[in-house]
PDB file of N, CA and C in Angstrom:
ATOM      1  N   MET A   1       0.829  -1.188   0.000  1.00  0.00           N
ATOM      2  CA  MET A   1       0.000   0.000   0.000  1.00  0.00           C
ATOM      3  C   MET A   1       0.871   1.248   0.000  1.00  0.00           C
ATOM      4  N   SER A   2       0.339   2.307  -0.535  1.00  0.00           N
ATOM      5  CA  SER A   2       1.097   3.554  -0.623  1.00  0.00           C
ATOM      6  C   SER A   2       0.858   4.421   0.603  1.00  0.00           C
ATOM      7  N   ASP A   3       1.544   5.573   0.649  1.00  0.00           N
ATOM      8  CA  ASP A   3       1.410   6.506   1.764  1.00  0.00           C
ATOM      9  C   ASP A   3       0.244   7.470   1.575  1.00  0.00           C
ATOM     10  N   LYS A   4      -0.515   7.325   0.480  1.00  0.00           N
ATOM     11  CA  LYS A   4      -1.638   8.221   0.226  1.00  0.00           C
ATOM     12  C   LYS A   4      -2.717   8.021   1.280  1.00  0.00           C
ATOM     13  N   ALA A   5      -3.595   9.013   1.369  1.00  0.00           N
ATOM     14  CA  ALA A   5      -4.664   8.966   2.362  1.00  0.00           C
ATOM     15  C   ALA A   5      -5.791   8.016   1.962  1.00  0.00           C
ATOM     16  N   ASN A   6      -5.907   7.671   0.686  1.00  0.00           N
ATOM     17  CA  ASN A   6      -7.014   6.846   0.221  1.00  0.00           C
ATOM     18  C   ASN A   6      -6.511   5.540  -0.381  1.00  0.00           C
ATOM     19  N   LEU A   7      -7.254   4.475  -0.137  1.00  0.00           N
ATOM     20  CA  LEU A   7      -7.001   3.190  -0.777  1.00  0.00           C
ATOM     21  C   LEU A   7      -7.959   3.092  -1.951  1.00  0.00           C
ATOM     22  N   THR A   8      -7.448   2.819  -3.147  1.00  0.00           N
ATOM     23  CA  THR A   8      -8.280   2.795  -4.344  1.00  0.00           C
ATOM     24  C   THR A   8      -8.570   1.363  -4.780  1.00  0.00           C
ATOM     25  N   ARG A   9      -9.566   1.232  -5.662  1.00  0.00           N
ATOM     26  CA  ARG A   9      -9.879  -0.075  -6.241  1.00  0.00           C
ATOM     27  C   ARG A   9      -8.673  -0.639  -6.978  1.00  0.00           C
ATOM     28  N   LYS A  10      -7.964   0.240  -7.669  1.00  0.00           N
ATOM     29  CA  LYS A  10      -6.783  -0.193  -8.429  1.00  0.00           C
ATOM     30  C   LYS A  10      -5.727  -0.778  -7.491  1.00  0.00           C
ATOM     31  N   GLU A  11      -5.529  -0.146  -6.328  1.00  0.00           N
ATOM     32  CA  GLU A  11      -4.564  -0.660  -5.361  1.00  0.00           C
ATOM     33  C   GLU A  11      -5.012  -1.995  -4.774  1.00  0.00           C
ATOM     34  N   LEU A  12      -6.311  -2.150  -4.541  1.00  0.00           N
ATOM     35  CA  LEU A  12      -6.826  -3.436  -4.073  1.00  0.00           C
ATOM     36  C   LEU A  12      -6.584  -4.526  -5.109  1.00  0.00           C
ATOM     37  N   ALA A  13      -6.869  -4.219  -6.364  1.00  0.00           N
ATOM     38  CA  ALA A  13      -6.662  -5.190  -7.445  1.00  0.00           C
ATOM     39  C   ALA A  13      -5.181  -5.557  -7.554  1.00  0.00           C
ATOM     40  N   LYS A  14      -4.309  -4.579  -7.392  1.00  0.00           N
ATOM     41  CA  LYS A  14      -2.871  -4.838  -7.468  1.00  0.00           C
ATOM     42  C   LYS A  14      -2.442  -5.766  -6.332  1.00  0.00           C
ATOM     43  N   ALA A  15      -2.984  -5.555  -5.130  1.00  0.00           N
ATOM     44  CA  ALA A  15      -2.654  -6.408  -3.986  1.00  0.00           C
ATOM     45  C   ALA A  15      -3.117  -7.840  -4.233  1.00  0.00           C
ATOM     46  N   ILE A  16      -4.309  -8.013  -4.805  1.00  0.00           N
ATOM     47  CA  ILE A  16      -4.809  -9.349  -5.129  1.00  0.00           C
ATOM     48  C   ILE A  16      -3.920 -10.001  -6.178  1.00  0.00           C
ATOM     49  N   ASN A  17      -3.535  -9.224  -7.175  1.00  0.00           N
ATOM     50  CA  ASN A  17      -2.634  -9.710  -8.226  1.00  0.00           C
ATOM     51  C   ASN A  17      -1.314 -10.195  -7.630  1.00  0.00           C
ATOM     52  N   GLU A  18      -0.731  -9.399  -6.756  1.00  0.00           N
ATOM     53  CA  GLU A  18       0.573  -9.734  -6.181  1.00  0.00           C
ATOM     54  C   GLU A  18       0.512 -10.890  -5.188  1.00  0.00           C
ATOM     55  N   LYS A  19      -0.528 -10.925  -4.358  1.00  0.00           N
ATOM     56  CA  LYS A  19      -0.617 -11.948  -3.313  1.00  0.00           C
ATOM     57  C   LYS A  19      -1.146 -13.282  -3.831  1.00  0.00           C
ATOM     58  N   MET A  20      -2.061 -13.237  -4.814  1.00  0.00           N
ATOM     59  CA  MET A  20      -2.736 -14.464  -5.239  1.00  0.00           C
ATOM     60  C   MET A  20      -2.414 -14.883  -6.666  1.00  0.00           C
ATOM     61  N   GLY A  21      -1.728 -14.012  -7.406  1.00  0.00           N
ATOM     62  CA  GLY A  21      -1.316 -14.383  -8.746  1.00  0.00           C
ATOM     63  C   GLY A  21      -2.392 -14.257  -9.816  1.00  0.00           C
ATOM     64  N   PHE A  22      -3.534 -13.651  -9.480  1.00  0.00           N
ATOM     65  CA  PHE A  22      -4.561 -13.418 -10.497  1.00  0.00           C
ATOM     66  C   PHE A  22      -4.039 -12.380 -11.482  1.00  0.00           C
ATOM     67  N   SER A  23      -4.528 -12.436 -12.704  1.00  0.00           N
ATOM     68  CA  SER A  23      -4.169 -11.387 -13.661  1.00  0.00           C
ATOM     69  C   SER A  23      -4.736 -10.064 -13.163  1.00  0.00           C
ATOM     70  N   GLN A  24      -4.166  -8.967 -13.661  1.00  0.00           N
ATOM     71  CA  GLN A  24      -4.657  -7.643 -13.266  1.00  0.00           C
ATOM     72  C   GLN A  24      -6.145  -7.519 -13.581  1.00  0.00           C
ATOM     73  N   ARG A  25      -6.558  -8.003 -14.746  1.00  0.00           N
ATOM     74  CA  ARG A  25      -7.961  -7.912 -15.168  1.00  0.00           C
ATOM     75  C   ARG A  25      -8.860  -8.727 -14.248  1.00  0.00           C
ATOM     76  N   SER A  26      -8.451  -9.954 -13.936  1.00  0.00           N
ATOM     77  CA  SER A  26      -9.251 -10.802 -13.043  1.00  0.00           C
ATOM     78  C   SER A  26      -9.328 -10.207 -11.645  1.00  0.00           C
ATOM     79  N   ALA A  27      -8.211  -9.666 -11.173  1.00  0.00           N
ATOM     80  CA  ALA A  27      -8.198  -9.046  -9.850  1.00  0.00           C
ATOM     81  C   ALA A  27      -9.123  -7.831  -9.818  1.00  0.00           C
ATOM     82  N   ALA A  28      -9.091  -7.013 -10.880  1.00  0.00           N
ATOM     83  CA  ALA A  28      -9.974  -5.841 -10.951  1.00  0.00           C
ATOM     84  C   ALA A  28     -11.435  -6.277 -11.002  1.00  0.00           C
ATOM     85  N   ASP A  29     -11.733  -7.331 -11.755  1.00  0.00           N
ATOM     86  CA  ASP A  29     -13.099  -7.861 -11.817  1.00  0.00           C
ATOM     87  C   ASP A  29     -13.547  -8.356 -10.444  1.00  0.00           C
ATOM     88  N   LEU A  30     -12.667  -9.018  -9.728  1.00  0.00           N
ATOM     89  CA  LEU A  30     -12.983  -9.516  -8.395  1.00  0.00           C
ATOM     90  C   LEU A  30     -13.326  -8.364  -7.449  1.00  0.00           C
ATOM     91  N   VAL A  31     -12.535  -7.303  -7.489  1.00  0.00           N
ATOM     92  CA  VAL A  31     -12.795  -6.130  -6.649  1.00  0.00           C
ATOM     93  C   VAL A  31     -14.147  -5.513  -7.019  1.00  0.00           C
ATOM     94  N   ASP A  32     -14.399  -5.353  -8.322  1.00  0.00           N
ATOM     95  CA  ASP A  32     -15.665  -4.752  -8.770  1.00  0.00           C
ATOM     96  C   ASP A  32     -16.865  -5.601  -8.362  1.00  0.00           C
ATOM     97  N   ILE A  33     -16.767  -6.915  -8.520  1.00  0.00           N
ATOM     98  CA  ILE A  33     -17.864  -7.812  -8.146  1.00  0.00           C
ATOM     99  C   ILE A  33     -18.124  -7.720  -6.645  1.00  0.00           C
ATOM    100  N   THR A  34     -17.057  -7.683  -5.864  1.00  0.00           N
ATOM    101  CA  THR A  34     -17.198  -7.594  -4.409  1.00  0.00           C
ATOM    102  C   THR A  34     -17.903  -6.305  -4.002  1.00  0.00           C
ATOM    103  N   PHE A  35     -17.468  -5.178  -4.556  1.00  0.00           N
ATOM    104  CA  PHE A  35     -18.093  -3.910  -4.197  1.00  0.00           C
ATOM    105  C   PHE A  35     -19.522  -3.804  -4.715  1.00  0.00           C
ATOM    106  N   ASP A  36     -19.795  -4.361  -5.891  1.00  0.00           N
ATOM    107  CA  ASP A  36     -21.174  -4.372  -6.398  1.00  0.00           C
ATOM    108  C   ASP A  36     -22.085  -5.149  -5.463  1.00  0.00           C
ATOM    109  N   ARG A  37     -21.610  -6.280  -4.974  1.00  0.00           N
ATOM    110  CA  ARG A  37     -22.407  -7.100  -4.055  1.00  0.00           C
ATOM    111  C   ARG A  37     -22.632  -6.364  -2.727  1.00  0.00           C
ATOM    112  N   LEU A  38     -21.590  -5.718  -2.208  1.00  0.00           N
ATOM    113  CA  LEU A  38     -21.735  -4.948  -0.968  1.00  0.00           C
ATOM    114  C   LEU A  38     -22.747  -3.821  -1.148  1.00  0.00           C
ATOM    115  N   LYS A  39     -22.627  -3.110  -2.274  1.00  0.00           N
ATOM    116  CA  LYS A  39     -23.539  -1.993  -2.555  1.00  0.00           C
ATOM    117  C   LYS A  39     -24.980  -2.488  -2.661  1.00  0.00           C
ATOM    118  N   ASP A  40     -25.196  -3.581  -3.413  1.00  0.00           N
ATOM    119  CA  ASP A  40     -26.546  -4.114  -3.584  1.00  0.00           C
ATOM    120  C   ASP A  40     -27.143  -4.553  -2.244  1.00  0.00           C
ATOM    121  N   THR A  41     -26.326  -5.127  -1.396  1.00  0.00           N
ATOM    122  CA  THR A  41     -26.791  -5.561  -0.079  1.00  0.00           C
ATOM    123  C   THR A  41     -27.245  -4.366   0.757  1.00  0.00           C
ATOM    124  N   LEU A  42     -26.446  -3.301   0.779  1.00  0.00           N
ATOM    125  CA  LEU A  42     -26.825  -2.107   1.536  1.00  0.00           C
ATOM    126  C   LEU A  42     -28.060  -1.439   0.947  1.00  0.00           C
ATOM    127  N   LEU A  43     -28.138  -1.369  -0.393  1.00  0.00           N
ATOM    128  CA  LEU A  43     -29.315  -0.764  -1.030  1.00  0.00           C
ATOM    129  C   LEU A  43     -30.576  -1.565  -0.736  1.00  0.00           C
ATOM    130  N   GLY A  44     -30.422  -2.865  -0.497  1.00  0.00           N
ATOM    131  CA  GLY A  44     -31.557  -3.708  -0.121  1.00  0.00           C
ATOM    132  C   GLY A  44     -31.911  -3.597   1.348  1.00  0.00           C
ATOM    133  N   GLY A  45     -31.184  -2.758   2.084  1.00  0.00           N
ATOM    134  CA  GLY A  45     -31.483  -2.542   3.496  1.00  0.00           C
ATOM    135  C   GLY A  45     -30.913  -3.616   4.415  1.00  0.00           C
ATOM    136  N   GLU A  46     -30.057  -4.478   3.884  1.00  0.00           N
ATOM    137  CA  GLU A  46     -29.489  -5.554   4.689  1.00  0.00           C
ATOM    138  C   GLU A  46     -28.182  -5.123   5.339  1.00  0.00           C
ATOM    139  N   MET A  47     -27.836  -5.800   6.416  1.00  0.00           N
ATOM    140  CA  MET A  47     -26.596  -5.549   7.134  1.00  0.00           C
ATOM    141  C   MET A  47     -25.489  -6.406   6.516  1.00  0.00           C
ATOM    142  N   ILE A  48     -24.259  -5.905   6.549  1.00  0.00           N
ATOM    143  CA  ILE A  48     -23.085  -6.653   6.085  1.00  0.00           C
ATOM    144  C   ILE A  48     -22.178  -6.858   7.288  1.00  0.00           C
ATOM    145  N   LYS A  49     -21.917  -8.125   7.618  1.00  0.00           N
ATOM    146  CA  LYS A  49     -21.027  -8.429   8.737  1.00  0.00           C
ATOM    147  C   LYS A  49     -19.811  -9.164   8.189  1.00  0.00           C
ATOM    148  N   LEU A  50     -18.648  -8.538   8.320  1.00  0.00           N
ATOM    149  CA  LEU A  50     -17.386  -9.132   7.893  1.00  0.00           C
ATOM    150  C   LEU A  50     -16.599  -9.475   9.153  1.00  0.00           C
ATOM    151  N   VAL A  51     -16.524 -10.766   9.463  1.00  0.00           N
ATOM    152  CA  VAL A  51     -15.889 -11.226  10.684  1.00  0.00           C
ATOM    153  C   VAL A  51     -14.445 -10.730  10.726  1.00  0.00           C
ATOM    154  N   GLN A  52     -14.012 -10.296  11.878  1.00  0.00           N
ATOM    155  CA  GLN A  52     -12.689  -9.744  12.159  1.00  0.00           C
ATOM    156  C   GLN A  52     -12.427  -8.412  11.449  1.00  0.00           C
ATOM    157  N   PHE A  53     -13.467  -7.813  10.858  1.00  0.00           N
ATOM    158  CA  PHE A  53     -13.319  -6.494  10.243  1.00  0.00           C
ATOM    159  C   PHE A  53     -14.342  -5.528  10.806  1.00  0.00           C
ATOM    160  N   GLY A  54     -15.642  -5.817  10.611  1.00  0.00           N
ATOM    161  CA  GLY A  54     -16.665  -4.931  11.137  1.00  0.00           C
ATOM    162  C   GLY A  54     -18.007  -5.154  10.478  1.00  0.00           C
ATOM    163  N   THR A  55     -18.958  -4.303  10.847  1.00  0.00           N
ATOM    164  CA  THR A  55     -20.334  -4.415  10.380  1.00  0.00           C
ATOM    165  C   THR A  55     -20.780  -3.104   9.744  1.00  0.00           C
ATOM    166  N   PHE A  56     -21.377  -3.217   8.562  1.00  0.00           N
ATOM    167  CA  PHE A  56     -21.978  -2.082   7.870  1.00  0.00           C
ATOM    168  C   PHE A  56     -23.485  -2.240   7.955  1.00  0.00           C
ATOM    169  N   ASN A  57     -24.196  -1.148   8.216  1.00  0.00           N
ATOM    170  CA  ASN A  57     -25.653  -1.200   8.128  1.00  0.00           C
ATOM    171  C   ASN A  57     -26.194   0.164   7.713  1.00  0.00           C
ATOM    172  N   VAL A  58     -27.435   0.144   7.237  1.00  0.00           N
ATOM    173  CA  VAL A  58     -28.096   1.368   6.810  1.00  0.00           C
ATOM    174  C   VAL A  58     -28.934   1.876   7.976  1.00  0.00           C
ATOM    175  N   ARG A  59     -28.702   3.119   8.371  1.00  0.00           N
ATOM    176  CA  ARG A  59     -29.479   3.745   9.431  1.00  0.00           C
ATOM    177  C   ARG A  59     -30.374   4.797   8.811  1.00  0.00           C
ATOM    178  N   ARG A  60     -31.609   4.817   9.240  1.00  0.00           N
ATOM    179  CA  ARG A  60     -32.548   5.819   8.767  1.00  0.00           C
ATOM    180  C   ARG A  60     -32.643   6.912   9.813  1.00  0.00           C
ATOM    181  N   LYS A  61     -32.424   8.146   9.371  1.00  0.00           N
ATOM    182  CA  LYS A  61     -32.465   9.286  10.278  1.00  0.00           C
ATOM    183  C   LYS A  61     -33.735  10.086  10.027  1.00  0.00           C
ATOM    184  N   SER A  62     -34.402  10.437  11.089  1.00  0.00           N
ATOM    185  CA  SER A  62     -35.636  11.218  11.008  1.00  0.00           C
ATOM    186  C   SER A  62     -35.321  12.677  10.708  1.00  0.00           C
ATOM    187  N   PRO A  63     -36.318  13.405  10.175  1.00  0.00           N
ATOM    188  CA  PRO A  63     -36.090  14.841   9.980  1.00  0.00           C
ATOM    189  C   PRO A  63     -35.906  15.522  11.343  1.00  0.00           C
ATOM    190  N   ARG A  64     -35.139  16.598  11.352  1.00  0.00           N
ATOM    191  CA  ARG A  64     -34.904  17.305  12.615  1.00  0.00           C
ATOM    192  C   ARG A  64     -34.575  18.760  12.326  1.00  0.00           C
ATOM    193  N   GLN A  65     -34.642  19.557  13.360  1.00  0.00           N
ATOM    194  CA  GLN A  65     -34.287  20.962  13.243  1.00  0.00           C
ATOM    195  C   GLN A  65     -32.776  21.112  13.386  1.00  0.00           C
ATOM    196  N   GLY A  66     -32.207  21.974  12.573  1.00  0.00           N
ATOM    197  CA  GLY A  66     -30.779  22.256  12.643  1.00  0.00           C
ATOM    198  C   GLY A  66     -30.542  23.713  12.337  1.00  0.00           C
ATOM    199  N   ARG A  67     -29.297  24.084  12.176  1.00  0.00           N
ATOM    200  CA  ARG A  67     -28.941  25.467  11.865  1.00  0.00           C
ATOM    201  C   ARG A  67     -27.966  25.480  10.690  1.00  0.00           C
ATOM    202  N   ASN A  68     -28.153  26.476   9.826  1.00  0.00           N
ATOM    203  CA  ASN A  68     -27.211  26.702   8.743  1.00  0.00           C
ATOM    204  C   ASN A  68     -25.931  27.236   9.395  1.00  0.00           C
ATOM    205  N   PRO A  69     -24.801  26.532   9.238  1.00  0.00           N
ATOM    206  CA  PRO A  69     -23.589  26.978   9.934  1.00  0.00           C
ATOM    207  C   PRO A  69     -23.074  28.340   9.462  1.00  0.00           C
ATOM    208  N   ARG A  70     -23.381  28.744   8.237  1.00  0.00           N
ATOM    209  CA  ARG A  70     -22.905  30.039   7.733  1.00  0.00           C
ATOM    210  C   ARG A  70     -23.738  31.199   8.257  1.00  0.00           C
ATOM    211  N   THR A  71     -25.073  31.000   8.256  1.00  0.00           N
ATOM    212  CA  THR A  71     -25.955  32.125   8.616  1.00  0.00           C
ATOM    213  C   THR A  71     -26.530  32.009  10.011  1.00  0.00           C
ATOM    214  N   GLY A  72     -26.541  30.797  10.562  1.00  0.00           N
ATOM    215  CA  GLY A  72     -27.152  30.605  11.872  1.00  0.00           C
ATOM    216  C   GLY A  72     -28.657  30.465  11.805  1.00  0.00           C
ATOM    217  N   ASP A  73     -29.242  30.555  10.587  1.00  0.00           N
ATOM    218  CA  ASP A  73     -30.691  30.425  10.445  1.00  0.00           C
ATOM    219  C   ASP A  73     -31.147  29.001  10.734  1.00  0.00           C
ATOM    220  N   ALA A  74     -32.307  28.887  11.380  1.00  0.00           N
ATOM    221  CA  ALA A  74     -32.886  27.572  11.639  1.00  0.00           C
ATOM    222  C   ALA A  74     -33.356  26.967  10.320  1.00  0.00           C
ATOM    223  N   MET A  75     -33.219  25.656  10.200  1.00  0.00           N
ATOM    224  CA  MET A  75     -33.667  24.961   8.998  1.00  0.00           C
ATOM    225  C   MET A  75     -33.999  23.528   9.356  1.00  0.00           C
ATOM    226  N   GLU A  76     -34.826  22.902   8.522  1.00  0.00           N
ATOM    227  CA  GLU A  76     -35.146  21.504   8.758  1.00  0.00           C
ATOM    228  C   GLU A  76     -34.191  20.635   7.955  1.00  0.00           C
ATOM    229  N   ILE A  77     -33.602  19.678   8.633  1.00  0.00           N
ATOM    230  CA  ILE A  77     -32.746  18.697   7.969  1.00  0.00           C
ATOM    231  C   ILE A  77     -33.652  17.533   7.602  1.00  0.00           C
ATOM    232  N   THR A  78     -33.721  17.217   6.318  1.00  0.00           N
ATOM    233  CA  THR A  78     -34.663  16.211   5.835  1.00  0.00           C
ATOM    234  C   THR A  78     -34.283  14.818   6.302  1.00  0.00           C
ATOM    235  N   LYS A  79     -35.281  13.920   6.281  1.00  0.00           N
ATOM    236  CA  LYS A  79     -34.994  12.527   6.634  1.00  0.00           C
ATOM    237  C   LYS A  79     -34.075  11.950   5.570  1.00  0.00           C
ATOM    238  N   ARG A  80     -33.249  11.030   6.004  1.00  0.00           N
ATOM    239  CA  ARG A  80     -32.300  10.441   5.073  1.00  0.00           C
ATOM    240  C   ARG A  80     -31.814   9.110   5.619  1.00  0.00           C
ATOM    241  N   SER A  81     -31.169   8.369   4.763  1.00  0.00           N
ATOM    242  CA  SER A  81     -30.531   7.122   5.167  1.00  0.00           C
ATOM    243  C   SER A  81     -29.031   7.314   5.068  1.00  0.00           C
ATOM    244  N   MET A  82     -28.313   6.645   5.942  1.00  0.00           N
ATOM    245  CA  MET A  82     -26.859   6.739   5.914  1.00  0.00           C
ATOM    246  C   MET A  82     -26.254   5.385   6.233  1.00  0.00           C
ATOM    247  N   VAL A  83     -25.052   5.167   5.750  1.00  0.00           N
ATOM    248  CA  VAL A  83     -24.347   3.920   6.027  1.00  0.00           C
ATOM    249  C   VAL A  83     -23.520   4.114   7.283  1.00  0.00           C
ATOM    250  N   SER A  84     -23.633   3.163   8.178  1.00  0.00           N
ATOM    251  CA  SER A  84     -22.905   3.197   9.432  1.00  0.00           C
ATOM    252  C   SER A  84     -21.933   2.023   9.448  1.00  0.00           C
ATOM    253  N   PHE A  85     -20.734   2.237   9.985  1.00  0.00           N
ATOM    254  CA  PHE A  85     -19.740   1.166  10.102  1.00  0.00           C
ATOM    255  C   PHE A  85     -19.316   1.048  11.544  1.00  0.00           C
ATOM    256  N   ARG A  86     -19.349  -0.160  12.048  1.00  0.00           N
ATOM    257  CA  ARG A  86     -18.875  -0.421  13.410  1.00  0.00           C
ATOM    258  C   ARG A  86     -17.726  -1.428  13.293  1.00  0.00           C
ATOM    259  N   PRO A  87     -16.504  -0.999  13.599  1.00  0.00           N
ATOM    260  CA  PRO A  87     -15.375  -1.914  13.468  1.00  0.00           C
ATOM    261  C   PRO A  87     -15.440  -3.036  14.501  1.00  0.00           C
ATOM    262  N   SER A  88     -14.832  -4.163  14.159  1.00  0.00           N
ATOM    263  CA  SER A  88     -14.769  -5.277  15.101  1.00  0.00           C
ATOM    264  C   SER A  88     -13.850  -4.907  16.257  1.00  0.00           C
ATOM    265  N   ARG A  89     -13.929  -5.664  17.313  1.00  0.00           N
ATOM    266  CA  ARG A  89     -13.073  -5.433  18.479  1.00  0.00           C
ATOM    267  C   ARG A  89     -11.596  -5.499  18.072  1.00  0.00           C
ATOM    268  N   ILE A  90     -11.251  -6.455  17.227  1.00  0.00           N
ATOM    269  CA  ILE A  90      -9.876  -6.613  16.779  1.00  0.00           C
ATOM    270  C   ILE A  90      -9.387  -5.363  16.035  1.00  0.00           C
ATOM    271  N   VAL A  91     -10.191  -4.842  15.122  1.00  0.00           N
ATOM    272  CA  VAL A  91      -9.812  -3.648  14.366  1.00  0.00           C
ATOM    273  C   VAL A  91      -9.716  -2.441  15.294  1.00  0.00           C
ATOM    274  N   ARG A  92     -10.697  -2.290  16.185  1.00  0.00           N
ATOM    275  CA  ARG A  92     -10.656  -1.167  17.144  1.00  0.00           C
ATOM    276  C   ARG A  92      -9.384  -1.197  17.981  1.00  0.00           C
ATOM    277  N   GLU A  93      -9.015  -2.379  18.481  1.00  0.00           N
ATOM    278  CA  GLU A  93      -7.818  -2.493  19.306  1.00  0.00           C
ATOM    279  C   GLU A  93      -6.558  -2.131  18.512  1.00  0.00           C
ATOM    280  N   ARG A  94      -6.482  -2.588  17.278  1.00  0.00           N
ATOM    281  CA  ARG A  94      -5.295  -2.306  16.464  1.00  0.00           C
ATOM    282  C   ARG A  94      -5.211  -0.823  16.098  1.00  0.00           C
ATOM    283  N   ILE A  95      -6.355  -0.187  15.847  1.00  0.00           N
ATOM    284  CA  ILE A  95      -6.363   1.254  15.548  1.00  0.00           C
ATOM    285  C   ILE A  95      -5.893   2.044  16.762  1.00  0.00           C
ATOM    286  N   ASN A  96      -6.358   1.643  17.934  1.00  0.00           N
ATOM    287  CA  ASN A  96      -6.046   2.391  19.149  1.00  0.00           C
ATOM    288  C   ASN A  96      -4.639   2.134  19.685  1.00  0.00           C
ATOM    289  N   LYS A  97      -3.958   1.117  19.181  1.00  0.00           N
ATOM    290  CA  LYS A  97      -2.573   0.855  19.609  1.00  0.00           C
ATOM    291  C   LYS A  97      -1.611   1.907  19.100  1.00  0.00           C
ATOM    292  N   GLY A  98      -1.846   2.416  17.910  1.00  0.00           N
ATOM    293  CA  GLY A  98      -0.868   3.355  17.385  1.00  0.00           C
ATOM    294  C   GLY A  98      -1.481   4.251  16.450  1.00  0.00           C
TER     295      GLY A  98
END
């Protein structure tokens, strides 16, 4: 992995290529298929649990009153859905070590 702040699909495919010997094209297809499946699962409202990594789920947020940070005017924040991630205990411990 590089020192950049973001991990890209291309970098994931390269790691699969290097570690498992898949062609670059097959590795890229594998990454795309995996992310498509994750996306479809979340869009279907289902939870994704990846053991030793964490859990993704869709949370529905109700409308609420808020403030425009620039003007301070009161405004209604519309209802929306958001993806929530809860890391596993193992990931949390490793993040907090350093």
